[in-house]
Amino acid sequence: MKRLAGIDEYVEDQEEWVVLQFEFDRFLVKYSSKNKPEKENK
């Protein structure tokens, strides 16, 4: 059971990391859209 608990913690960390990456991506898009012409809107 201890190994499973470790895996659960690992998965939780991964999910947190994905959320962080998502937030960072949104920040980058926001920031770069200020420095780019509007036509590259996706």
C-alpha atoms as a PDB file:
ATOM      1  CA  MET A   1       0.000   0.000   0.000  1.00  0.00           C
ATOM      2  CA  LYS A   2       2.883   2.364   0.648  1.00  0.00           C
ATOM      3  CA  ARG A   3       3.934   2.233  -2.996  1.00  0.00           C
ATOM      4  CA  LEU A   4       0.407   3.141  -4.080  1.00  0.00           C
ATOM      5  CA  ALA A   5       0.401   6.123  -1.721  1.00  0.00           C
ATOM      6  CA  GLY A   6       3.685   7.242  -3.257  1.00  0.00           C
ATOM      7  CA  ILE A   7       2.216   6.958  -6.735  1.00  0.00           C
ATOM      8  CA  ASP A   8      -0.835   8.950  -5.650  1.00  0.00           C
ATOM      9  CA  GLU A   9       1.415  11.719  -4.361  1.00  0.00           C
ATOM     10  CA  TYR A  10       3.367  11.618  -7.619  1.00  0.00           C
ATOM     11  CA  VAL A  11       0.192  11.929  -9.677  1.00  0.00           C
ATOM     12  CA  GLU A  12      -0.995  14.832  -7.537  1.00  0.00           C
ATOM     13  CA  ASP A  13       2.337  16.569  -8.113  1.00  0.00           C
ATOM     14  CA  GLN A  14       2.000  15.965 -11.850  1.00  0.00           C
ATOM     15  CA  GLU A  15      -1.503  17.466 -11.886  1.00  0.00           C
ATOM     16  CA  GLU A  16      -0.259  20.507  -9.997  1.00  0.00           C
ATOM     17  CA  TRP A  17       2.569  20.856 -12.511  1.00  0.00           C
ATOM     18  CA  VAL A  18       0.126  20.677 -15.412  1.00  0.00           C
ATOM     19  CA  VAL A  19      -1.990  23.413 -13.834  1.00  0.00           C
ATOM     20  CA  LEU A  20       1.112  25.538 -13.327  1.00  0.00           C
ATOM     21  CA  GLN A  21       2.134  25.035 -16.949  1.00  0.00           C
ATOM     22  CA  PHE A  22      -1.380  25.937 -18.080  1.00  0.00           C
ATOM     23  CA  GLU A  23      -1.348  29.140 -16.036  1.00  0.00           C
ATOM     24  CA  PHE A  24       2.112  29.981 -17.374  1.00  0.00           C
ATOM     25  CA  ASP A  25       1.002  29.339 -20.953  1.00  0.00           C
ATOM     26  CA  ARG A  26      -1.968  31.645 -20.460  1.00  0.00           C
ATOM     27  CA  PHE A  27       0.366  34.297 -19.062  1.00  0.00           C
ATOM     28  CA  LEU A  28       2.700  33.914 -22.041  1.00  0.00           C
ATOM     29  CA  VAL A  29      -0.166  34.189 -24.513  1.00  0.00           C
ATOM     30  CA  LYS A  30      -1.484  37.268 -22.734  1.00  0.00           C
ATOM     31  CA  TYR A  31       1.961  38.855 -22.625  1.00  0.00           C
ATOM     32  CA  SER A  32       2.951  38.010 -26.190  1.00  0.00           C
ATOM     33  CA  SER A  33      -0.393  39.131 -27.606  1.00  0.00           C
ATOM     34  CA  LYS A  34       0.435  42.623 -26.382  1.00  0.00           C
ATOM     35  CA  ASN A  35       3.630  42.568 -28.437  1.00  0.00           C
ATOM     36  CA  LYS A  36       2.159  40.973 -31.576  1.00  0.00           C
ATOM     37  CA  PRO A  37      -0.282  42.127 -34.227  1.00  0.00           C
ATOM     38  CA  GLU A  38      -3.855  41.019 -33.590  1.00  0.00           C
ATOM     39  CA  LYS A  39      -4.063  38.753 -36.642  1.00  0.00           C
ATOM     40  CA  GLU A  40      -2.286  35.885 -34.830  1.00  0.00           C
ATOM     41  CA  ASN A  41      -5.326  35.374 -32.609  1.00  0.00           C
ATOM     42  CA  LYS A  42      -6.216  31.697 -32.141  1.00  0.00           C
END
